[in-house]
Amino acid sequence: MNIKSIILLLLVSLLALLSHAGEISDCRDGQTCLIAEDAYTGPVRLFCLTAPTLQAPWGIQARDALRQHLHGTIRLLMDSLDGDGTPIAELIREDGWNLGLEQVRGGLAKVAQDRCDEPSYLLAEAEAQRAALGVWSAPYTCPGPRYCKHVRSCEEAQFYLRQCQRLEFDRDADGIPCENLCGDQK
């Protein structure tokens, strides 16, 4: 264990003993936010979940859902450190809204099965699956085909443009992908 890991472990141990609050300054993705509080400033990974990368379907929506909480005080309930030394915590707004649990409930993240057996998270995930929300609804996957000629429908083309950021599907930048399939939407 290197000195950085030891210091972070001591910091997390200290924070776990204290009741503390901070503010979210930004969210990098759907599971990592930058926190500023008295004892710690830096990234915090949300407890019990794994969110899609920004390049994957629902990744941008997952990040943006967390960014809606960039105001107000957040209570941190420290859990542990991940493999790279980033603190893992539950982030809870003053009104009791659990950011990670709501990511799972909205289908914007999945439960990290290998490290989470919390009933509330498992139930929220099962409900999101039944309702086909977010990551449980994507019939297509990124990166997807490279050319419009390989796309079968306008719906599929819109998915690749919006979810996978396949800008080559909208060469004239008018917001309509694959003009041969979606051209009548003008």
C-alpha atoms as a PDB file:
ATOM      1  CA  MET A   1       0.000   0.000   0.000  1.00  0.00           C
ATOM      2  CA  ASN A   2       1.497   3.339  -1.021  1.00  0.00           C
ATOM      3  CA  ILE A   3       1.484   6.517   1.055  1.00  0.00           C
ATOM      4  CA  LYS A   4      -1.368   8.077  -0.957  1.00  0.00           C
ATOM      5  CA  SER A   5      -3.592   5.043  -0.271  1.00  0.00           C
ATOM      6  CA  ILE A   6      -2.715   5.131   3.429  1.00  0.00           C
ATOM      7  CA  ILE A   7      -3.517   8.824   3.677  1.00  0.00           C
ATOM      8  CA  LEU A   8      -6.811   8.379   1.803  1.00  0.00           C
ATOM      9  CA  LEU A   9      -7.735   5.404   3.991  1.00  0.00           C
ATOM     10  CA  LEU A  10      -7.042   7.455   7.115  1.00  0.00           C
ATOM     11  CA  LEU A  11      -9.029  10.340   5.684  1.00  0.00           C
ATOM     12  CA  VAL A  12     -12.001   8.117   4.869  1.00  0.00           C
ATOM     13  CA  SER A  13     -11.804   6.546   8.331  1.00  0.00           C
ATOM     14  CA  LEU A  14     -11.816   9.981   9.928  1.00  0.00           C
ATOM     15  CA  LEU A  15     -14.678  11.168   7.731  1.00  0.00           C
ATOM     16  CA  ALA A  16     -16.730   8.101   8.582  1.00  0.00           C
ATOM     17  CA  LEU A  17     -16.600   9.091  12.242  1.00  0.00           C
ATOM     18  CA  LEU A  18     -17.805  12.604  11.575  1.00  0.00           C
ATOM     19  CA  SER A  19     -21.103  13.936  10.398  1.00  0.00           C
ATOM     20  CA  HIS A  20     -20.162  16.132   7.509  1.00  0.00           C
ATOM     21  CA  ALA A  21     -21.630  17.869   4.534  1.00  0.00           C
ATOM     22  CA  GLY A  22     -20.284  19.311   1.341  1.00  0.00           C
ATOM     23  CA  GLU A  23     -21.282  20.625  -2.041  1.00  0.00           C
ATOM     24  CA  ILE A  24     -21.013  19.040  -5.461  1.00  0.00           C
ATOM     25  CA  SER A  25     -18.923  21.224  -7.760  1.00  0.00           C
ATOM     26  CA  ASP A  26     -19.280  18.996 -10.846  1.00  0.00           C
ATOM     27  CA  CYS A  27     -20.013  15.443 -11.962  1.00  0.00           C
ATOM     28  CA  ARG A  28     -17.618  13.764 -14.380  1.00  0.00           C
ATOM     29  CA  ASP A  29     -20.000  10.972 -15.314  1.00  0.00           C
ATOM     30  CA  GLY A  30     -23.021   9.163 -13.910  1.00  0.00           C
ATOM     31  CA  GLN A  31     -21.188   7.809 -10.884  1.00  0.00           C
ATOM     32  CA  THR A  32     -18.396  10.256  -9.975  1.00  0.00           C
ATOM     33  CA  CYS A  33     -18.843  13.755  -8.579  1.00  0.00           C
ATOM     34  CA  LEU A  34     -16.359  16.325  -7.372  1.00  0.00           C
ATOM     35  CA  ILE A  35     -17.088  17.215  -3.772  1.00  0.00           C
ATOM     36  CA  ALA A  36     -15.933  20.205  -1.766  1.00  0.00           C
ATOM     37  CA  GLU A  37     -16.215  20.030   2.008  1.00  0.00           C
ATOM     38  CA  ASP A  38     -14.087  20.960   4.988  1.00  0.00           C
ATOM     39  CA  ALA A  39     -12.106  17.722   5.382  1.00  0.00           C
ATOM     40  CA  TYR A  40     -11.942  16.572   1.741  1.00  0.00           C
ATOM     41  CA  THR A  41     -12.110  18.086  -1.720  1.00  0.00           C
ATOM     42  CA  GLY A  42     -11.968  15.796  -4.725  1.00  0.00           C
ATOM     43  CA  PRO A  43     -13.785  13.019  -6.555  1.00  0.00           C
ATOM     44  CA  VAL A  44     -16.253  10.736  -4.821  1.00  0.00           C
ATOM     45  CA  ARG A  45     -17.715   7.655  -6.472  1.00  0.00           C
ATOM     46  CA  LEU A  46     -21.347   6.872  -5.746  1.00  0.00           C
ATOM     47  CA  PHE A  47     -21.947   3.883  -3.502  1.00  0.00           C
ATOM     48  CA  CYS A  48     -23.381   0.618  -4.831  1.00  0.00           C
ATOM     49  CA  LEU A  49     -23.652   1.409  -8.527  1.00  0.00           C
ATOM     50  CA  THR A  50     -21.991   1.423 -11.890  1.00  0.00           C
ATOM     51  CA  ALA A  51     -23.083   3.913 -14.514  1.00  0.00           C
ATOM     52  CA  PRO A  52     -22.511   3.844 -18.268  1.00  0.00           C
ATOM     53  CA  THR A  53     -19.473   5.659 -19.623  1.00  0.00           C
ATOM     54  CA  LEU A  54     -20.136   8.949 -21.388  1.00  0.00           C
ATOM     55  CA  GLN A  55     -19.669   7.216 -24.750  1.00  0.00           C
ATOM     56  CA  ALA A  56     -22.231   4.500 -23.965  1.00  0.00           C
ATOM     57  CA  PRO A  57     -25.995   4.780 -24.295  1.00  0.00           C
ATOM     58  CA  TRP A  58     -27.436   6.763 -21.374  1.00  0.00           C
ATOM     59  CA  GLY A  59     -23.989   7.907 -20.209  1.00  0.00           C
ATOM     60  CA  ILE A  60     -24.578  11.592 -20.903  1.00  0.00           C
ATOM     61  CA  GLN A  61     -28.071  11.475 -19.393  1.00  0.00           C
ATOM     62  CA  ALA A  62     -26.675   9.792 -16.263  1.00  0.00           C
ATOM     63  CA  ARG A  63     -24.072  12.532 -15.832  1.00  0.00           C
ATOM     64  CA  ASP A  64     -26.577  15.292 -16.511  1.00  0.00           C
ATOM     65  CA  ALA A  65     -29.026  13.848 -13.968  1.00  0.00           C
ATOM     66  CA  LEU A  66     -26.330  14.168 -11.290  1.00  0.00           C
ATOM     67  CA  ARG A  67     -25.431  17.662 -12.455  1.00  0.00           C
ATOM     68  CA  GLN A  68     -28.957  18.781 -11.572  1.00  0.00           C
ATOM     69  CA  HIS A  69     -27.833  18.585  -7.935  1.00  0.00           C
ATOM     70  CA  LEU A  70     -24.958  21.087  -8.165  1.00  0.00           C
ATOM     71  CA  HIS A  71     -26.720  23.370  -5.699  1.00  0.00           C
ATOM     72  CA  GLY A  72     -27.314  22.948  -2.014  1.00  0.00           C
ATOM     73  CA  THR A  73     -25.660  20.900   0.661  1.00  0.00           C
ATOM     74  CA  ILE A  74     -24.968  17.200   0.225  1.00  0.00           C
ATOM     75  CA  ARG A  75     -24.442  14.818   3.137  1.00  0.00           C
ATOM     76  CA  LEU A  76     -21.666  12.284   2.535  1.00  0.00           C
ATOM     77  CA  LEU A  77     -21.962   8.825   4.062  1.00  0.00           C
ATOM     78  CA  MET A  78     -18.512   7.373   3.457  1.00  0.00           C
ATOM     79  CA  ASP A  79     -18.274   3.655   2.725  1.00  0.00           C
ATOM     80  CA  SER A  80     -14.803   2.711   1.449  1.00  0.00           C
ATOM     81  CA  LEU A  81     -12.189   3.389  -1.226  1.00  0.00           C
ATOM     82  CA  ASP A  82     -12.242   1.957  -4.720  1.00  0.00           C
ATOM     83  CA  GLY A  83      -9.219   0.363  -6.400  1.00  0.00           C
ATOM     84  CA  ASP A  84      -7.635   3.688  -7.355  1.00  0.00           C
ATOM     85  CA  GLY A  85      -8.143   5.282  -3.937  1.00  0.00           C
ATOM     86  CA  THR A  86     -11.256   7.298  -4.753  1.00  0.00           C
ATOM     87  CA  PRO A  87     -13.677   7.497  -1.810  1.00  0.00           C
ATOM     88  CA  ILE A  88     -16.993   5.691  -2.265  1.00  0.00           C
ATOM     89  CA  ALA A  89     -19.952   7.303  -0.536  1.00  0.00           C
ATOM     90  CA  GLU A  90     -23.666   7.775  -0.538  1.00  0.00           C
ATOM     91  CA  LEU A  91     -24.525  11.365  -1.443  1.00  0.00           C
ATOM     92  CA  ILE A  92     -27.766  12.541   0.125  1.00  0.00           C
ATOM     93  CA  ARG A  93     -29.409  15.926  -0.338  1.00  0.00           C
ATOM     94  CA  GLU A  94     -30.786  17.858   2.631  1.00  0.00           C
ATOM     95  CA  ASP A  95     -34.303  16.663   1.741  1.00  0.00           C
ATOM     96  CA  GLY A  96     -33.217  12.999   1.957  1.00  0.00           C
ATOM     97  CA  TRP A  97     -32.887  12.387  -1.807  1.00  0.00           C
ATOM     98  CA  ASN A  98     -30.194   9.698  -2.274  1.00  0.00           C
ATOM     99  CA  LEU A  99     -28.444  10.540  -5.549  1.00  0.00           C
ATOM    100  CA  GLY A 100     -27.069   7.055  -6.232  1.00  0.00           C
ATOM    101  CA  LEU A 101     -30.309   5.280  -5.406  1.00  0.00           C
ATOM    102  CA  GLU A 102     -32.197   7.645  -7.717  1.00  0.00           C
ATOM    103  CA  GLN A 103     -29.690   6.965 -10.528  1.00  0.00           C
ATOM    104  CA  VAL A 104     -30.509   3.263 -10.214  1.00  0.00           C
ATOM    105  CA  ARG A 105     -34.258   3.888  -9.833  1.00  0.00           C
ATOM    106  CA  GLY A 106     -34.276   5.977 -13.019  1.00  0.00           C
ATOM    107  CA  GLY A 107     -32.383   3.375 -15.035  1.00  0.00           C
ATOM    108  CA  LEU A 108     -29.333   5.635 -15.301  1.00  0.00           C
ATOM    109  CA  ALA A 109     -27.067   3.169 -13.482  1.00  0.00           C
ATOM    110  CA  LYS A 110     -26.972  -0.499 -12.558  1.00  0.00           C
ATOM    111  CA  VAL A 111     -26.280  -2.016  -9.165  1.00  0.00           C
ATOM    112  CA  ALA A 112     -22.663  -3.113  -8.841  1.00  0.00           C
ATOM    113  CA  GLN A 113     -23.538  -6.756  -8.165  1.00  0.00           C
ATOM    114  CA  ASP A 114     -20.010  -7.644  -7.033  1.00  0.00           C
ATOM    115  CA  ARG A 115     -20.001  -5.096  -4.208  1.00  0.00           C
ATOM    116  CA  CYS A 116     -23.582  -4.282  -3.314  1.00  0.00           C
ATOM    117  CA  ASP A 117     -26.324  -6.268  -1.653  1.00  0.00           C
ATOM    118  CA  GLU A 118     -28.363  -3.341  -0.344  1.00  0.00           C
ATOM    119  CA  PRO A 119     -32.067  -4.263  -0.660  1.00  0.00           C
ATOM    120  CA  SER A 120     -33.172  -0.725  -1.552  1.00  0.00           C
ATOM    121  CA  TYR A 121     -30.766  -0.607  -4.499  1.00  0.00           C
ATOM    122  CA  LEU A 122     -31.671  -4.104  -5.701  1.00  0.00           C
ATOM    123  CA  LEU A 123     -35.391  -3.295  -5.525  1.00  0.00           C
ATOM    124  CA  ALA A 124     -34.881   0.008  -7.390  1.00  0.00           C
ATOM    125  CA  GLU A 125     -32.962  -1.818 -10.123  1.00  0.00           C
ATOM    126  CA  ALA A 126     -35.654  -4.491 -10.467  1.00  0.00           C
ATOM    127  CA  GLU A 127     -38.301  -1.776 -10.815  1.00  0.00           C
ATOM    128  CA  ALA A 128     -36.254   0.065 -13.481  1.00  0.00           C
ATOM    129  CA  GLN A 129     -35.811  -3.197 -15.391  1.00  0.00           C
ATOM    130  CA  ARG A 130     -39.554  -3.974 -15.280  1.00  0.00           C
ATOM    131  CA  ALA A 131     -40.352  -0.456 -16.503  1.00  0.00           C
ATOM    132  CA  ALA A 132     -37.611  -0.655 -19.193  1.00  0.00           C
ATOM    133  CA  LEU A 133     -36.096   2.642 -18.038  1.00  0.00           C
ATOM    134  CA  GLY A 134     -32.784   4.071 -19.223  1.00  0.00           C
ATOM    135  CA  VAL A 135     -30.068   1.443 -19.610  1.00  0.00           C
ATOM    136  CA  TRP A 136     -32.747  -1.239 -19.504  1.00  0.00           C
ATOM    137  CA  SER A 137     -34.493   0.173 -22.589  1.00  0.00           C
ATOM    138  CA  ALA A 138     -31.732   0.530 -25.187  1.00  0.00           C
ATOM    139  CA  PRO A 139     -32.438  -1.763 -28.139  1.00  0.00           C
ATOM    140  CA  TYR A 140     -29.211  -0.598 -29.806  1.00  0.00           C
ATOM    141  CA  THR A 141     -25.664  -0.348 -28.505  1.00  0.00           C
ATOM    142  CA  CYS A 142     -22.772   2.025 -29.070  1.00  0.00           C
ATOM    143  CA  PRO A 143     -20.653   2.535 -31.023  1.00  0.00           C
ATOM    144  CA  GLY A 144     -22.976   1.010 -33.635  1.00  0.00           C
ATOM    145  CA  PRO A 145     -22.601   1.054 -37.422  1.00  0.00           C
ATOM    146  CA  ARG A 146     -20.346   3.567 -39.110  1.00  0.00           C
ATOM    147  CA  TYR A 147     -22.594   4.399 -42.051  1.00  0.00           C
ATOM    148  CA  CYS A 148     -26.249   5.250 -42.551  1.00  0.00           C
ATOM    149  CA  LYS A 149     -26.554   2.479 -45.146  1.00  0.00           C
ATOM    150  CA  HIS A 150     -26.197   0.000 -42.254  1.00  0.00           C
ATOM    151  CA  VAL A 151     -29.038   1.557 -40.236  1.00  0.00           C
ATOM    152  CA  ARG A 152     -32.539   0.105 -40.602  1.00  0.00           C
ATOM    153  CA  SER A 153     -34.778   2.871 -39.270  1.00  0.00           C
ATOM    154  CA  CYS A 154     -34.930   6.550 -38.469  1.00  0.00           C
ATOM    155  CA  GLU A 155     -35.361   5.659 -34.778  1.00  0.00           C
ATOM    156  CA  GLU A 156     -32.102   3.711 -34.886  1.00  0.00           C
ATOM    157  CA  ALA A 157     -30.304   6.572 -36.662  1.00  0.00           C
ATOM    158  CA  GLN A 158     -31.548   9.052 -34.038  1.00  0.00           C
ATOM    159  CA  PHE A 159     -30.310   6.741 -31.276  1.00  0.00           C
ATOM    160  CA  TYR A 160     -26.786   6.616 -32.740  1.00  0.00           C
ATOM    161  CA  LEU A 161     -26.683  10.379 -33.273  1.00  0.00           C
ATOM    162  CA  ARG A 162     -27.955  11.305 -29.801  1.00  0.00           C
ATOM    163  CA  GLN A 163     -26.743   8.484 -27.570  1.00  0.00           C
ATOM    164  CA  CYS A 164     -23.491   7.530 -29.288  1.00  0.00           C
ATOM    165  CA  GLN A 165     -22.571  11.001 -30.560  1.00  0.00           C
ATOM    166  CA  ARG A 166     -22.205   9.635 -34.122  1.00  0.00           C
ATOM    167  CA  LEU A 167     -22.048  13.088 -35.698  1.00  0.00           C
ATOM    168  CA  GLU A 168     -21.232  11.627 -39.116  1.00  0.00           C
ATOM    169  CA  PHE A 169     -24.891  10.540 -39.230  1.00  0.00           C
ATOM    170  CA  ASP A 170     -25.836  14.235 -39.486  1.00  0.00           C
ATOM    171  CA  ARG A 171     -23.422  15.593 -42.086  1.00  0.00           C
ATOM    172  CA  ASP A 172     -25.310  18.851 -42.653  1.00  0.00           C
ATOM    173  CA  ALA A 173     -25.690  19.445 -38.875  1.00  0.00           C
ATOM    174  CA  ASP A 174     -29.430  20.103 -39.097  1.00  0.00           C
ATOM    175  CA  GLY A 175     -30.274  17.691 -36.287  1.00  0.00           C
ATOM    176  CA  ILE A 176     -31.747  15.101 -38.651  1.00  0.00           C
ATOM    177  CA  PRO A 177     -29.615  11.959 -38.991  1.00  0.00           C
ATOM    178  CA  CYS A 178     -29.384   9.787 -42.107  1.00  0.00           C
ATOM    179  CA  GLU A 179     -31.376  11.961 -44.501  1.00  0.00           C
ATOM    180  CA  ASN A 180     -32.196   8.902 -46.624  1.00  0.00           C
ATOM    181  CA  LEU A 181     -34.192   7.478 -43.671  1.00  0.00           C
ATOM    182  CA  CYS A 182     -35.250  10.586 -41.734  1.00  0.00           C
ATOM    183  CA  GLY A 183     -35.365  13.237 -44.462  1.00  0.00           C
ATOM    184  CA  ASP A 184     -39.129  13.573 -44.337  1.00  0.00           C
ATOM    185  CA  GLN A 185     -38.915  14.961 -40.779  1.00  0.00           C
ATOM    186  CA  LYS A 186     -37.927  18.455 -41.991  1.00  0.00           C
END
